Amino acid sequence: MDREQILGRLRERIVSFAASHLSRDAAEDVAQEVLLVLHEKYPRLERVEDLLPLAFQIVRFKILSTRRKAARRGEYNQVSVDDLPLPAPEANPAVLVERREMRERLVQAMTGLGGRCRELIRLKLEGKTFPEIQKIMGAGTISTIYTWDHRCRKNLLEAMGGDWEAKR
């Protein structure tokens, strides 16, 4: 078997292994990254006995890197809006007034935002994850979505007067 055939079979095993630890899309990405490392840094290795252990060592490092990146971005601690408990607003009339004022401030601030920001915030409120938002909005990378999110939240905060709490 030549190197290309070995790498083809190795890719299948890498994807299977990575998919047991990550999503299928992430596993495909990890496999491509591993094969790229093998191609660029280890072109002299030709035998399966040399490539297999090295490839799986690289896979483990790539999986850990992917998990660290997801944890840094907060992808593991996203909470569905449906799961949040809502207190009974009737219990306190002051809470009702504060909520109404906050809602009015938010609506006014949101109308001043651009269409992309309004769409991004709408998708987040629907409980979509950042990778889902990336696909829906057609962004090239997930980093683009993070940048848009940061800018949109910053613009929204500025539109609300620089403070999330109501001005008294």
C-alpha atoms as a PDB file:
ATOM      1  CA  MET A   1       0.000   0.000   0.000  1.00  0.00           C
ATOM      2  CA  ASP A   2       1.311   3.440  -0.828  1.00  0.00           C
ATOM      3  CA  ARG A   3       1.200   6.477   1.475  1.00  0.00           C
ATOM      4  CA  GLU A   4      -1.978   7.938  -0.057  1.00  0.00           C
ATOM      5  CA  GLN A   5      -3.941   4.732   0.520  1.00  0.00           C
ATOM      6  CA  ILE A   6      -2.640   4.509   4.073  1.00  0.00           C
ATOM      7  CA  LEU A   7      -3.647   8.114   4.764  1.00  0.00           C
ATOM      8  CA  GLY A   8      -7.101   7.493   3.253  1.00  0.00           C
ATOM      9  CA  ARG A   9      -7.761   4.567   5.570  1.00  0.00           C
ATOM     10  CA  LEU A  10      -6.187   6.396   8.466  1.00  0.00           C
ATOM     11  CA  ARG A  11      -8.540   9.320   7.876  1.00  0.00           C
ATOM     12  CA  GLU A  12     -11.568   7.048   8.299  1.00  0.00           C
ATOM     13  CA  ARG A  13     -10.234   5.766  11.624  1.00  0.00           C
ATOM     14  CA  ILE A  14      -9.398   9.296  12.775  1.00  0.00           C
ATOM     15  CA  VAL A  15     -12.896  10.548  11.955  1.00  0.00           C
ATOM     16  CA  SER A  16     -14.480   7.609  13.793  1.00  0.00           C
ATOM     17  CA  PHE A  17     -12.332   8.151  16.857  1.00  0.00           C
ATOM     18  CA  ALA A  18     -12.800  11.923  16.905  1.00  0.00           C
ATOM     19  CA  ALA A  19     -16.576  11.573  16.349  1.00  0.00           C
ATOM     20  CA  SER A  20     -16.762   9.533  19.549  1.00  0.00           C
ATOM     21  CA  HIS A  21     -15.477  12.600  21.398  1.00  0.00           C
ATOM     22  CA  LEU A  22     -16.798  15.503  19.299  1.00  0.00           C
ATOM     23  CA  SER A  23     -19.581  16.264  16.852  1.00  0.00           C
ATOM     24  CA  ARG A  24     -19.326  14.772  13.366  1.00  0.00           C
ATOM     25  CA  ASP A  25     -18.475  18.151  11.790  1.00  0.00           C
ATOM     26  CA  ALA A  26     -15.779  18.820  14.373  1.00  0.00           C
ATOM     27  CA  ALA A  27     -14.407  15.297  13.843  1.00  0.00           C
ATOM     28  CA  GLU A  28     -14.105  15.952  10.111  1.00  0.00           C
ATOM     29  CA  ASP A  29     -12.230  19.182  10.846  1.00  0.00           C
ATOM     30  CA  VAL A  30      -9.894  17.436  13.280  1.00  0.00           C
ATOM     31  CA  ALA A  31      -9.170  14.702  10.725  1.00  0.00           C
ATOM     32  CA  GLN A  32      -8.270  17.298   8.098  1.00  0.00           C
ATOM     33  CA  GLU A  33      -5.983  19.100  10.540  1.00  0.00           C
ATOM     34  CA  VAL A  34      -4.247  15.840  11.494  1.00  0.00           C
ATOM     35  CA  LEU A  35      -3.701  14.860   7.876  1.00  0.00           C
ATOM     36  CA  LEU A  36      -2.348  18.322   7.143  1.00  0.00           C
ATOM     37  CA  VAL A  37       0.163  17.989   9.997  1.00  0.00           C
ATOM     38  CA  LEU A  38       1.188  14.534   8.794  1.00  0.00           C
ATOM     39  CA  HIS A  39       1.594  15.784   5.236  1.00  0.00           C
ATOM     40  CA  GLU A  40       3.566  18.915   6.119  1.00  0.00           C
ATOM     41  CA  LYS A  41       5.705  17.797   9.059  1.00  0.00           C
ATOM     42  CA  TYR A  42       6.134  14.067   8.505  1.00  0.00           C
ATOM     43  CA  PRO A  43       6.410  13.447   4.748  1.00  0.00           C
ATOM     44  CA  ARG A  44       9.187  10.906   5.264  1.00  0.00           C
ATOM     45  CA  LEU A  45       6.961   8.463   7.209  1.00  0.00           C
ATOM     46  CA  GLU A  46       5.617   5.835   4.825  1.00  0.00           C
ATOM     47  CA  ARG A  47       4.708   2.829   6.955  1.00  0.00           C
ATOM     48  CA  VAL A  48       1.413   2.282   8.763  1.00  0.00           C
ATOM     49  CA  GLU A  49       3.339   1.289  11.900  1.00  0.00           C
ATOM     50  CA  ASP A  50       4.878   4.767  12.006  1.00  0.00           C
ATOM     51  CA  LEU A  51       1.855   6.808  10.932  1.00  0.00           C
ATOM     52  CA  LEU A  52      -0.853   5.225  13.094  1.00  0.00           C
ATOM     53  CA  PRO A  53       0.486   5.990  16.599  1.00  0.00           C
ATOM     54  CA  LEU A  54       1.658   9.436  15.547  1.00  0.00           C
ATOM     55  CA  ALA A  55      -1.707  10.271  13.976  1.00  0.00           C
ATOM     56  CA  PHE A  56      -3.647   9.275  17.083  1.00  0.00           C
ATOM     57  CA  GLN A  57      -1.327  11.233  19.326  1.00  0.00           C
ATOM     58  CA  ILE A  58      -1.977  14.294  17.167  1.00  0.00           C
ATOM     59  CA  VAL A  59      -5.734  13.541  17.230  1.00  0.00           C
ATOM     60  CA  ARG A  60      -5.748  13.554  21.033  1.00  0.00           C
ATOM     61  CA  PHE A  61      -4.001  16.925  21.088  1.00  0.00           C
ATOM     62  CA  LYS A  62      -6.416  18.345  18.494  1.00  0.00           C
ATOM     63  CA  ILE A  63      -9.464  17.102  20.449  1.00  0.00           C
ATOM     64  CA  LEU A  64      -8.152  18.691  23.641  1.00  0.00           C
ATOM     65  CA  SER A  65      -7.467  21.912  21.758  1.00  0.00           C
ATOM     66  CA  THR A  66     -10.999  21.927  20.325  1.00  0.00           C
ATOM     67  CA  ARG A  67     -12.510  21.386  23.777  1.00  0.00           C
ATOM     68  CA  ARG A  68     -10.388  24.135  25.351  1.00  0.00           C
ATOM     69  CA  LYS A  69     -11.413  26.519  22.594  1.00  0.00           C
ATOM     70  CA  ALA A  70     -15.118  25.681  23.095  1.00  0.00           C
ATOM     71  CA  ALA A  71     -14.798  26.147  26.859  1.00  0.00           C
ATOM     72  CA  ARG A  72     -13.044  29.487  26.364  1.00  0.00           C
ATOM     73  CA  ARG A  73     -15.849  30.637  24.110  1.00  0.00           C
ATOM     74  CA  GLY A  74     -18.504  29.505  26.576  1.00  0.00           C
ATOM     75  CA  GLU A  75     -20.136  27.004  24.238  1.00  0.00           C
ATOM     76  CA  TYR A  76     -20.579  24.449  27.045  1.00  0.00           C
ATOM     77  CA  ASN A  77     -22.485  26.738  29.383  1.00  0.00           C
ATOM     78  CA  GLN A  78     -25.135  28.065  27.040  1.00  0.00           C
ATOM     79  CA  VAL A  79     -28.539  27.798  28.651  1.00  0.00           C
ATOM     80  CA  SER A  80     -31.743  27.376  26.732  1.00  0.00           C
ATOM     81  CA  VAL A  81     -34.180  30.238  27.245  1.00  0.00           C
ATOM     82  CA  ASP A  82     -36.919  27.651  27.757  1.00  0.00           C
ATOM     83  CA  ASP A  83     -35.150  26.281  30.853  1.00  0.00           C
ATOM     84  CA  LEU A  84     -34.936  29.591  32.717  1.00  0.00           C
ATOM     85  CA  PRO A  85     -37.425  29.918  35.562  1.00  0.00           C
ATOM     86  CA  LEU A  86     -39.520  33.064  35.494  1.00  0.00           C
ATOM     87  CA  PRO A  87     -40.673  34.611  38.764  1.00  0.00           C
ATOM     88  CA  ALA A  88     -44.291  35.647  39.027  1.00  0.00           C
ATOM     89  CA  PRO A  89     -44.313  39.376  38.142  1.00  0.00           C
ATOM     90  CA  GLU A  90     -47.658  39.866  39.867  1.00  0.00           C
ATOM     91  CA  ALA A  91     -45.910  39.338  43.204  1.00  0.00           C
ATOM     92  CA  ASN A  92     -44.368  42.817  43.149  1.00  0.00           C
ATOM     93  CA  PRO A  93     -45.784  45.845  41.265  1.00  0.00           C
ATOM     94  CA  ALA A  94     -42.339  47.510  41.276  1.00  0.00           C
ATOM     95  CA  VAL A  95     -40.959  44.560  39.311  1.00  0.00           C
ATOM     96  CA  LEU A  96     -43.707  44.991  36.718  1.00  0.00           C
ATOM     97  CA  VAL A  97     -42.848  48.675  36.262  1.00  0.00           C
ATOM     98  CA  GLU A  98     -39.096  47.968  36.037  1.00  0.00           C
ATOM     99  CA  ARG A  99     -39.666  45.252  33.442  1.00  0.00           C
ATOM    100  CA  ARG A 100     -41.920  47.478  31.365  1.00  0.00           C
ATOM    101  CA  GLU A 101     -39.341  50.289  31.453  1.00  0.00           C
ATOM    102  CA  MET A 102     -36.521  47.893  30.573  1.00  0.00           C
ATOM    103  CA  ARG A 103     -38.559  46.435  27.700  1.00  0.00           C
ATOM    104  CA  GLU A 104     -39.255  49.947  26.363  1.00  0.00           C
ATOM    105  CA  ARG A 105     -35.562  50.858  26.585  1.00  0.00           C
ATOM    106  CA  LEU A 106     -34.584  47.634  24.834  1.00  0.00           C
ATOM    107  CA  VAL A 107     -37.141  48.085  22.055  1.00  0.00           C
ATOM    108  CA  GLN A 108     -36.001  51.664  21.495  1.00  0.00           C
ATOM    109  CA  ALA A 109     -32.319  50.637  21.491  1.00  0.00           C
ATOM    110  CA  MET A 110     -32.963  47.662  19.189  1.00  0.00           C
ATOM    111  CA  THR A 111     -34.634  49.840  16.556  1.00  0.00           C
ATOM    112  CA  GLY A 112     -31.402  51.809  16.293  1.00  0.00           C
ATOM    113  CA  LEU A 113     -29.311  48.696  15.594  1.00  0.00           C
ATOM    114  CA  GLY A 114     -28.544  47.404  12.113  1.00  0.00           C
ATOM    115  CA  GLY A 115     -30.367  44.481  10.567  1.00  0.00           C
ATOM    116  CA  ARG A 116     -27.511  42.038  11.109  1.00  0.00           C
ATOM    117  CA  CYS A 117     -27.409  42.828  14.836  1.00  0.00           C
ATOM    118  CA  ARG A 118     -31.167  42.494  15.203  1.00  0.00           C
ATOM    119  CA  GLU A 119     -31.052  39.140  13.388  1.00  0.00           C
ATOM    120  CA  LEU A 120     -28.145  37.889  15.512  1.00  0.00           C
ATOM    121  CA  ILE A 121     -29.859  38.864  18.761  1.00  0.00           C
ATOM    122  CA  ARG A 122     -33.135  37.302  17.579  1.00  0.00           C
ATOM    123  CA  LEU A 123     -31.359  34.013  16.834  1.00  0.00           C
ATOM    124  CA  LYS A 124     -29.643  34.051  20.229  1.00  0.00           C
ATOM    125  CA  LEU A 125     -32.984  34.666  21.951  1.00  0.00           C
ATOM    126  CA  GLU A 126     -34.412  31.681  20.070  1.00  0.00           C
ATOM    127  CA  GLY A 127     -31.719  29.580  21.752  1.00  0.00           C
ATOM    128  CA  LYS A 128     -29.559  28.955  18.680  1.00  0.00           C
ATOM    129  CA  THR A 129     -25.911  28.088  19.318  1.00  0.00           C
ATOM    130  CA  PHE A 130     -23.099  30.050  17.722  1.00  0.00           C
ATOM    131  CA  PRO A 131     -22.332  27.289  15.163  1.00  0.00           C
ATOM    132  CA  GLU A 132     -26.025  27.228  14.186  1.00  0.00           C
ATOM    133  CA  ILE A 133     -26.045  31.013  13.866  1.00  0.00           C
ATOM    134  CA  GLN A 134     -22.931  30.814  11.690  1.00  0.00           C
ATOM    135  CA  LYS A 135     -24.706  28.506   9.250  1.00  0.00           C
ATOM    136  CA  ILE A 136     -27.926  30.539   9.234  1.00  0.00           C
ATOM    137  CA  MET A 137     -26.167  33.858   8.692  1.00  0.00           C
ATOM    138  CA  GLY A 138     -23.672  32.411   6.197  1.00  0.00           C
ATOM    139  CA  ALA A 139     -20.552  33.587   8.010  1.00  0.00           C
ATOM    140  CA  GLY A 140     -17.238  32.132   6.860  1.00  0.00           C
ATOM    141  CA  THR A 141     -15.958  31.313  10.336  1.00  0.00           C
ATOM    142  CA  ILE A 142     -17.322  31.073  13.847  1.00  0.00           C
ATOM    143  CA  SER A 143     -14.923  33.836  14.887  1.00  0.00           C
ATOM    144  CA  THR A 144     -16.872  36.192  12.645  1.00  0.00           C
ATOM    145  CA  ILE A 145     -20.041  35.419  14.627  1.00  0.00           C
ATOM    146  CA  TYR A 146     -18.231  36.026  17.925  1.00  0.00           C
ATOM    147  CA  THR A 147     -16.978  39.370  16.611  1.00  0.00           C
ATOM    148  CA  TRP A 148     -20.440  40.381  15.386  1.00  0.00           C
ATOM    149  CA  ASP A 149     -21.946  39.338  18.726  1.00  0.00           C
ATOM    150  CA  HIS A 150     -19.414  41.397  20.676  1.00  0.00           C
ATOM    151  CA  ARG A 151     -19.966  44.454  18.508  1.00  0.00           C
ATOM    152  CA  CYS A 152     -23.750  44.120  18.582  1.00  0.00           C
ATOM    153  CA  ARG A 153     -23.851  43.817  22.386  1.00  0.00           C
ATOM    154  CA  LYS A 154     -21.512  46.819  22.645  1.00  0.00           C
ATOM    155  CA  ASN A 155     -23.715  48.866  20.287  1.00  0.00           C
ATOM    156  CA  LEU A 156     -26.849  47.819  22.170  1.00  0.00           C
ATOM    157  CA  LEU A 157     -25.302  48.840  25.480  1.00  0.00           C
ATOM    158  CA  GLU A 158     -24.296  52.215  24.030  1.00  0.00           C
ATOM    159  CA  ALA A 159     -27.807  52.692  22.626  1.00  0.00           C
ATOM    160  CA  MET A 160     -29.190  52.032  26.106  1.00  0.00           C
ATOM    161  CA  GLY A 161     -27.043  54.807  27.531  1.00  0.00           C
ATOM    162  CA  GLY A 162     -24.012  52.744  28.538  1.00  0.00           C
ATOM    163  CA  ASP A 163     -25.802  50.914  31.368  1.00  0.00           C
ATOM    164  CA  TRP A 164     -28.087  47.886  31.437  1.00  0.00           C
ATOM    165  CA  GLU A 165     -29.909  49.193  34.496  1.00  0.00           C
ATOM    166  CA  ALA A 166     -32.570  51.891  34.165  1.00  0.00           C
ATOM    167  CA  LYS A 167     -31.365  55.436  34.727  1.00  0.00           C
ATOM    168  CA  ARG A 168     -33.000  56.993  37.760  1.00  0.00           C
END
